[in-house]
Every structure is written in C-alpha cells, then in structure tokens.
Amino acid sequence: MNQAILFNDDFQYIDAQSCWCFTGMLSGARITIYIQAPKRDITDALKFELEELIEDYLEDEEPDEDNIIRLTI
C-alpha cells in the first residue's frame, strides 16, 4: 500500500532502549516510530535513511493499533 507520510523533525535517541524515536503523520493520525539501531550523530543523511526505512515498511505493513512502528536495523 502506498501511503503518504509526513515526518516531524523530532528525532531523539533513547539510550535506555538503544533506539531512535521520532513521530510522523499518516492518514491524519500521529504515529510514533522506534528504530533500534546504534547511536550516531544525527545528520540529514541519517534522518533520510530512517525515513526511507519507514516508507519501505509502510509499503507492506501498517502501524499497530496504538499507532506505533517498531523496527530493528
């Protein structure tokens, strides 16, 4: 399914969970995204990489019932 998603620029790394967290708007609903990955400096390239992972994920999957997406890379 091809869905349009708008990403917010609220990227943060949660050390306790070793994951990146950010939000977006999908079909009018706010979604929260957690991507478990090593900590790196946040750059435009990293943001693009994480956003692209979510876009690829949404081609076949949907957020859970709480509007959360969890991925591991």
PDB file of N, CA and C in Angstrom:
ATOM      1  N   MET A   1       0.842  -1.159   0.000  1.00  0.00           N
ATOM      2  CA  MET A   1       0.000   0.000   0.000  1.00  0.00           C
ATOM      3  C   MET A   1       0.898   1.236   0.000  1.00  0.00           C
ATOM      4  N   ASN A   2       0.659   2.162  -0.891  1.00  0.00           N
ATOM      5  CA  ASN A   2       1.450   3.380  -0.976  1.00  0.00           C
ATOM      6  C   ASN A   2       0.767   4.477  -0.183  1.00  0.00           C
ATOM      7  N   GLN A   3       1.340   4.848   0.941  1.00  0.00           N
ATOM      8  CA  GLN A   3       0.750   5.845   1.815  1.00  0.00           C
ATOM      9  C   GLN A   3       1.684   7.028   1.937  1.00  0.00           C
ATOM     10  N   ALA A   4       1.103   8.220   1.997  1.00  0.00           N
ATOM     11  CA  ALA A   4       1.915   9.420   2.200  1.00  0.00           C
ATOM     12  C   ALA A   4       2.108   9.622   3.697  1.00  0.00           C
ATOM     13  N   ILE A   5       3.327   9.859   4.082  1.00  0.00           N
ATOM     14  CA  ILE A   5       3.639  10.106   5.486  1.00  0.00           C
ATOM     15  C   ILE A   5       4.457  11.391   5.572  1.00  0.00           C
ATOM     16  N   LEU A   6       4.146  12.195   6.553  1.00  0.00           N
ATOM     17  CA  LEU A   6       4.902  13.410   6.833  1.00  0.00           C
ATOM     18  C   LEU A   6       5.660  13.183   8.128  1.00  0.00           C
ATOM     19  N   PHE A   7       6.971  13.337   8.082  1.00  0.00           N
ATOM     20  CA  PHE A   7       7.797  13.125   9.263  1.00  0.00           C
ATOM     21  C   PHE A   7       8.016  14.441   9.989  1.00  0.00           C
ATOM     22  N   ASN A   8       7.933  14.393  11.314  1.00  0.00           N
ATOM     23  CA  ASN A   8       8.276  15.545  12.136  1.00  0.00           C
ATOM     24  C   ASN A   8       9.786  15.531  12.368  1.00  0.00           C
ATOM     25  N   ASP A   9      10.346  16.684  12.629  1.00  0.00           N
ATOM     26  CA  ASP A   9      11.779  16.790  12.866  1.00  0.00           C
ATOM     27  C   ASP A   9      12.045  16.747  14.372  1.00  0.00           C
ATOM     28  N   ASP A  10      11.638  15.632  14.988  1.00  0.00           N
ATOM     29  CA  ASP A  10      11.782  15.490  16.443  1.00  0.00           C
ATOM     30  C   ASP A  10      12.591  14.242  16.804  1.00  0.00           C
ATOM     31  N   PHE A  11      13.601  13.960  16.012  1.00  0.00           N
ATOM     32  CA  PHE A  11      14.442  12.781  16.217  1.00  0.00           C
ATOM     33  C   PHE A  11      15.171  12.883  17.553  1.00  0.00           C
ATOM     34  N   GLN A  12      15.128  11.798  18.301  1.00  0.00           N
ATOM     35  CA  GLN A  12      15.893  11.724  19.542  1.00  0.00           C
ATOM     36  C   GLN A  12      16.350  10.286  19.743  1.00  0.00           C
ATOM     37  N   TYR A  13      17.464  10.132  20.419  1.00  0.00           N
ATOM     38  CA  TYR A  13      17.974   8.801  20.708  1.00  0.00           C
ATOM     39  C   TYR A  13      17.667   8.479  22.158  1.00  0.00           C
ATOM     40  N   ILE A  14      17.057   7.331  22.387  1.00  0.00           N
ATOM     41  CA  ILE A  14      16.720   6.882  23.740  1.00  0.00           C
ATOM     42  C   ILE A  14      17.766   5.854  24.149  1.00  0.00           C
ATOM     43  N   ASP A  15      18.704   6.273  24.984  1.00  0.00           N
ATOM     44  CA  ASP A  15      19.815   5.398  25.378  1.00  0.00           C
ATOM     45  C   ASP A  15      19.338   4.129  26.075  1.00  0.00           C
ATOM     46  N   ALA A  16      18.353   4.244  26.954  1.00  0.00           N
ATOM     47  CA  ALA A  16      17.883   3.095  27.723  1.00  0.00           C
ATOM     48  C   ALA A  16      17.338   1.982  26.829  1.00  0.00           C
ATOM     49  N   GLN A  17      16.807   2.351  25.653  1.00  0.00           N
ATOM     50  CA  GLN A  17      16.250   1.357  24.739  1.00  0.00           C
ATOM     51  C   GLN A  17      17.112   1.164  23.496  1.00  0.00           C
ATOM     52  N   SER A  18      18.207   1.895  23.400  1.00  0.00           N
ATOM     53  CA  SER A  18      19.105   1.845  22.239  1.00  0.00           C
ATOM     54  C   SER A  18      18.342   2.010  20.931  1.00  0.00           C
ATOM     55  N   CYS A  19      17.506   3.060  20.890  1.00  0.00           N
ATOM     56  CA  CYS A  19      16.721   3.256  19.678  1.00  0.00           C
ATOM     57  C   CYS A  19      16.498   4.737  19.388  1.00  0.00           C
ATOM     58  N   TRP A  20      16.240   4.996  18.110  1.00  0.00           N
ATOM     59  CA  TRP A  20      15.823   6.313  17.661  1.00  0.00           C
ATOM     60  C   TRP A  20      14.314   6.398  17.784  1.00  0.00           C
ATOM     61  N   CYS A  21      13.833   7.542  18.154  1.00  0.00           N
ATOM     62  CA  CYS A  21      12.397   7.769  18.264  1.00  0.00           C
ATOM     63  C   CYS A  21      12.066   9.063  17.532  1.00  0.00           C
ATOM     64  N   PHE A  22      10.999   9.034  16.729  1.00  0.00           N
ATOM     65  CA  PHE A  22      10.500  10.237  16.078  1.00  0.00           C
ATOM     66  C   PHE A  22       9.039  10.004  15.720  1.00  0.00           C
ATOM     67  N   THR A  23       8.367  11.058  15.297  1.00  0.00           N
ATOM     68  CA  THR A  23       6.941  10.951  15.016  1.00  0.00           C
ATOM     69  C   THR A  23       6.656  11.383  13.589  1.00  0.00           C
ATOM     70  N   GLY A  24       5.453  11.071  13.165  1.00  0.00           N
ATOM     71  CA  GLY A  24       5.009  11.466  11.838  1.00  0.00           C
ATOM     72  C   GLY A  24       3.492  11.495  11.783  1.00  0.00           C
ATOM     73  N   MET A  25       2.980  11.970  10.664  1.00  0.00           N
ATOM     74  CA  MET A  25       1.542  11.988  10.416  1.00  0.00           C
ATOM     75  C   MET A  25       1.257  11.049   9.252  1.00  0.00           C
ATOM     76  N   LEU A  26       0.354  10.112   9.493  1.00  0.00           N
ATOM     77  CA  LEU A  26      -0.015   9.118   8.490  1.00  0.00           C
ATOM     78  C   LEU A  26      -1.529   9.065   8.408  1.00  0.00           C
ATOM     79  N   SER A  27      -2.079   9.442   7.275  1.00  0.00           N
ATOM     80  CA  SER A  27      -3.528   9.455   7.084  1.00  0.00           C
ATOM     81  C   SER A  27      -4.234  10.229   8.192  1.00  0.00           C
ATOM     82  N   GLY A  28      -3.666  11.347   8.580  1.00  0.00           N
ATOM     83  CA  GLY A  28      -4.272  12.206   9.592  1.00  0.00           C
ATOM     84  C   GLY A  28      -4.037  11.783  11.025  1.00  0.00           C
ATOM     85  N   ALA A  29      -3.337  10.679  11.242  1.00  0.00           N
ATOM     86  CA  ALA A  29      -3.075  10.191  12.600  1.00  0.00           C
ATOM     87  C   ALA A  29      -1.600  10.349  12.925  1.00  0.00           C
ATOM     88  N   ARG A  30      -1.328  10.717  14.171  1.00  0.00           N
ATOM     89  CA  ARG A  30       0.066  10.825  14.622  1.00  0.00           C
ATOM     90  C   ARG A  30       0.577   9.421  14.927  1.00  0.00           C
ATOM     91  N   ILE A  31       1.749   9.094  14.392  1.00  0.00           N
ATOM     92  CA  ILE A  31       2.374   7.807  14.677  1.00  0.00           C
ATOM     93  C   ILE A  31       3.701   8.055  15.364  1.00  0.00           C
ATOM     94  N   THR A  32       4.100   7.106  16.187  1.00  0.00           N
ATOM     95  CA  THR A  32       5.392   7.147  16.861  1.00  0.00           C
ATOM     96  C   THR A  32       6.227   6.008  16.324  1.00  0.00           C
ATOM     97  N   ILE A  33       7.472   6.315  16.021  1.00  0.00           N
ATOM     98  CA  ILE A  33       8.363   5.346  15.388  1.00  0.00           C
ATOM     99  C   ILE A  33       9.565   5.109  16.287  1.00  0.00           C
ATOM    100  N   TYR A  34       9.872   3.830  16.508  1.00  0.00           N
ATOM    101  CA  TYR A  34      11.056   3.424  17.265  1.00  0.00           C
ATOM    102  C   TYR A  34      11.893   2.542  16.360  1.00  0.00           C
ATOM    103  N   ILE A  35      13.140   2.919  16.163  1.00  0.00           N
ATOM    104  CA  ILE A  35      14.044   2.115  15.348  1.00  0.00           C
ATOM    105  C   ILE A  35      15.263   1.793  16.194  1.00  0.00           C
ATOM    106  N   GLN A  36      15.394   0.518  16.524  1.00  0.00           N
ATOM    107  CA  GLN A  36      16.530   0.090  17.336  1.00  0.00           C
ATOM    108  C   GLN A  36      17.757   0.045  16.435  1.00  0.00           C
ATOM    109  N   ALA A  37      18.758   0.854  16.804  1.00  0.00           N
ATOM    110  CA  ALA A  37      19.967   0.975  15.999  1.00  0.00           C
ATOM    111  C   ALA A  37      21.054   1.604  16.859  1.00  0.00           C
ATOM    112  N   PRO A  38      22.302   1.441  16.448  1.00  0.00           N
ATOM    113  CA  PRO A  38      23.391   2.070  17.201  1.00  0.00           C
ATOM    114  C   PRO A  38      23.260   3.592  17.191  1.00  0.00           C
ATOM    115  N   LYS A  39      23.747   4.203  18.250  1.00  0.00           N
ATOM    116  CA  LYS A  39      23.715   5.657  18.352  1.00  0.00           C
ATOM    117  C   LYS A  39      24.752   6.262  17.428  1.00  0.00           C
ATOM    118  N   ARG A  40      24.331   7.276  16.680  1.00  0.00           N
ATOM    119  CA  ARG A  40      25.217   8.032  15.794  1.00  0.00           C
ATOM    120  C   ARG A  40      24.824   9.503  15.895  1.00  0.00           C
ATOM    121  N   ASP A  41      25.690  10.360  15.401  1.00  0.00           N
ATOM    122  CA  ASP A  41      25.331  11.768  15.318  1.00  0.00           C
ATOM    123  C   ASP A  41      24.154  11.909  14.358  1.00  0.00           C
ATOM    124  N   ILE A  42      23.192  12.742  14.730  1.00  0.00           N
ATOM    125  CA  ILE A  42      22.038  12.939  13.867  1.00  0.00           C
ATOM    126  C   ILE A  42      22.431  13.885  12.727  1.00  0.00           C
ATOM    127  N   THR A  43      22.309  13.403  11.522  1.00  0.00           N
ATOM    128  CA  THR A  43      22.622  14.178  10.323  1.00  0.00           C
ATOM    129  C   THR A  43      21.435  14.084   9.382  1.00  0.00           C
ATOM    130  N   ASP A  44      21.426  14.925   8.367  1.00  0.00           N
ATOM    131  CA  ASP A  44      20.363  14.826   7.370  1.00  0.00           C
ATOM    132  C   ASP A  44      20.385  13.461   6.685  1.00  0.00           C
ATOM    133  N   ALA A  45      21.581  12.922   6.466  1.00  0.00           N
ATOM    134  CA  ALA A  45      21.698  11.607   5.835  1.00  0.00           C
ATOM    135  C   ALA A  45      21.082  10.519   6.709  1.00  0.00           C
ATOM    136  N   LEU A  46      21.308  10.585   8.021  1.00  0.00           N
ATOM    137  CA  LEU A  46      20.724   9.599   8.930  1.00  0.00           C
ATOM    138  C   LEU A  46      19.206   9.747   8.972  1.00  0.00           C
ATOM    139  N   LYS A  47      18.710  10.974   9.042  1.00  0.00           N
ATOM    140  CA  LYS A  47      17.259  11.198   9.037  1.00  0.00           C
ATOM    141  C   LYS A  47      16.641  10.604   7.781  1.00  0.00           C
ATOM    142  N   PHE A  48      17.259  10.856   6.634  1.00  0.00           N
ATOM    143  CA  PHE A  48      16.757  10.322   5.375  1.00  0.00           C
ATOM    144  C   PHE A  48      16.753   8.800   5.393  1.00  0.00           C
ATOM    145  N   GLU A  49      17.815   8.204   5.910  1.00  0.00           N
ATOM    146  CA  GLU A  49      17.912   6.737   5.988  1.00  0.00           C
ATOM    147  C   GLU A  49      16.781   6.161   6.845  1.00  0.00           C
ATOM    148  N   LEU A  50      16.542   6.762   8.009  1.00  0.00           N
ATOM    149  CA  LEU A  50      15.483   6.273   8.894  1.00  0.00           C
ATOM    150  C   LEU A  50      14.101   6.469   8.275  1.00  0.00           C
ATOM    151  N   GLU A  51      13.883   7.626   7.643  1.00  0.00           N
ATOM    152  CA  GLU A  51      12.599   7.888   6.997  1.00  0.00           C
ATOM    153  C   GLU A  51      12.353   6.913   5.853  1.00  0.00           C
ATOM    154  N   GLU A  52      13.399   6.610   5.097  1.00  0.00           N
ATOM    155  CA  GLU A  52      13.278   5.674   3.983  1.00  0.00           C
ATOM    156  C   GLU A  52      12.923   4.270   4.485  1.00  0.00           C
ATOM    157  N   LEU A  53      13.495   3.863   5.611  1.00  0.00           N
ATOM    158  CA  LEU A  53      13.142   2.570   6.206  1.00  0.00           C
ATOM    159  C   LEU A  53      11.647   2.498   6.516  1.00  0.00           C
ATOM    160  N   ILE A  54      11.116   3.580   7.059  1.00  0.00           N
ATOM    161  CA  ILE A  54       9.694   3.606   7.402  1.00  0.00           C
ATOM    162  C   ILE A  54       8.828   3.600   6.151  1.00  0.00           C
ATOM    163  N   GLU A  55       9.210   4.351   5.135  1.00  0.00           N
ATOM    164  CA  GLU A  55       8.449   4.345   3.889  1.00  0.00           C
ATOM    165  C   GLU A  55       8.419   2.950   3.280  1.00  0.00           C
ATOM    166  N   ASP A  56       9.557   2.259   3.290  1.00  0.00           N
ATOM    167  CA  ASP A  56       9.608   0.882   2.778  1.00  0.00           C
ATOM    168  C   ASP A  56       8.729  -0.039   3.616  1.00  0.00           C
ATOM    169  N   TYR A  57       8.785   0.113   4.923  1.00  0.00           N
ATOM    170  CA  TYR A  57       7.970  -0.692   5.829  1.00  0.00           C
ATOM    171  C   TYR A  57       6.476  -0.510   5.518  1.00  0.00           C
ATOM    172  N   LEU A  58       6.065   0.728   5.284  1.00  0.00           N
ATOM    173  CA  LEU A  58       4.652   1.024   5.067  1.00  0.00           C
ATOM    174  C   LEU A  58       4.122   0.550   3.721  1.00  0.00           C
ATOM    175  N   GLU A  59       5.003   0.126   2.832  1.00  0.00           N
ATOM    176  CA  GLU A  59       4.535  -0.440   1.568  1.00  0.00           C
ATOM    177  C   GLU A  59       3.783  -1.746   1.799  1.00  0.00           C
ATOM    178  N   ASP A  60       4.157  -2.494   2.855  1.00  0.00           N
ATOM    179  CA  ASP A  60       3.538  -3.798   3.114  1.00  0.00           C
ATOM    180  C   ASP A  60       2.866  -3.906   4.470  1.00  0.00           C
ATOM    181  N   GLU A  61       3.197  -3.028   5.386  1.00  0.00           N
ATOM    182  CA  GLU A  61       2.716  -3.128   6.760  1.00  0.00           C
ATOM    183  C   GLU A  61       2.025  -1.836   7.183  1.00  0.00           C
ATOM    184  N   GLU A  62       1.407  -1.893   8.356  1.00  0.00           N
ATOM    185  CA  GLU A  62       0.769  -0.721   8.945  1.00  0.00           C
ATOM    186  C   GLU A  62       1.218  -0.595  10.395  1.00  0.00           C
ATOM    187  N   PRO A  63       1.086   0.602  10.978  1.00  0.00           N
ATOM    188  CA  PRO A  63       1.384   0.736  12.416  1.00  0.00           C
ATOM    189  C   PRO A  63       0.457  -0.162  13.226  1.00  0.00           C
ATOM    190  N   ASP A  64       0.861  -0.484  14.465  1.00  0.00           N
ATOM    191  CA  ASP A  64      -0.014  -1.299  15.310  1.00  0.00           C
ATOM    192  C   ASP A  64      -1.220  -0.478  15.766  1.00  0.00           C
ATOM    193  N   GLU A  65      -2.066  -1.080  16.576  1.00  0.00           N
ATOM    194  CA  GLU A  65      -3.313  -0.421  16.990  1.00  0.00           C
ATOM    195  C   GLU A  65      -3.082   0.835  17.833  1.00  0.00           C
ATOM    196  N   ASP A  66      -1.888   0.996  18.372  1.00  0.00           N
ATOM    197  CA  ASP A  66      -1.541   2.199  19.138  1.00  0.00           C
ATOM    198  C   ASP A  66      -0.800   3.229  18.281  1.00  0.00           C
ATOM    199  N   ASN A  67      -0.807   3.023  16.955  1.00  0.00           N
ATOM    200  CA  ASN A  67      -0.108   3.893  16.002  1.00  0.00           C
ATOM    201  C   ASN A  67       1.392   3.965  16.274  1.00  0.00           C
ATOM    202  N   ILE A  68       1.974   2.806  16.527  1.00  0.00           N
ATOM    203  CA  ILE A  68       3.403   2.695  16.785  1.00  0.00           C
ATOM    204  C   ILE A  68       4.025   1.757  15.758  1.00  0.00           C
ATOM    205  N   ILE A  69       5.206   2.136  15.293  1.00  0.00           N
ATOM    206  CA  ILE A  69       6.013   1.278  14.427  1.00  0.00           C
ATOM    207  C   ILE A  69       7.314   1.007  15.152  1.00  0.00           C
ATOM    208  N   ARG A  70       7.705  -0.258  15.210  1.00  0.00           N
ATOM    209  CA  ARG A  70       8.968  -0.653  15.832  1.00  0.00           C
ATOM    210  C   ARG A  70       9.778  -1.469  14.818  1.00  0.00           C
ATOM    211  N   LEU A  71      10.999  -1.015  14.584  1.00  0.00           N
ATOM    212  CA  LEU A  71      11.897  -1.718  13.672  1.00  0.00           C
ATOM    213  C   LEU A  71      13.269  -1.878  14.311  1.00  0.00           C
ATOM    214  N   THR A  72      14.005  -2.852  13.823  1.00  0.00           N
ATOM    215  CA  THR A  72      15.381  -3.057  14.243  1.00  0.00           C
ATOM    216  C   THR A  72      16.251  -3.087  12.994  1.00  0.00           C
ATOM    217  N   ILE A  73      17.361  -2.352  13.052  1.00  0.00           N
ATOM    218  CA  ILE A  73      18.276  -2.416  11.895  1.00  0.00           C
ATOM    219  C   ILE A  73      19.645  -2.824  12.382  1.00  0.00           C
TER     220      ILE A  73
END
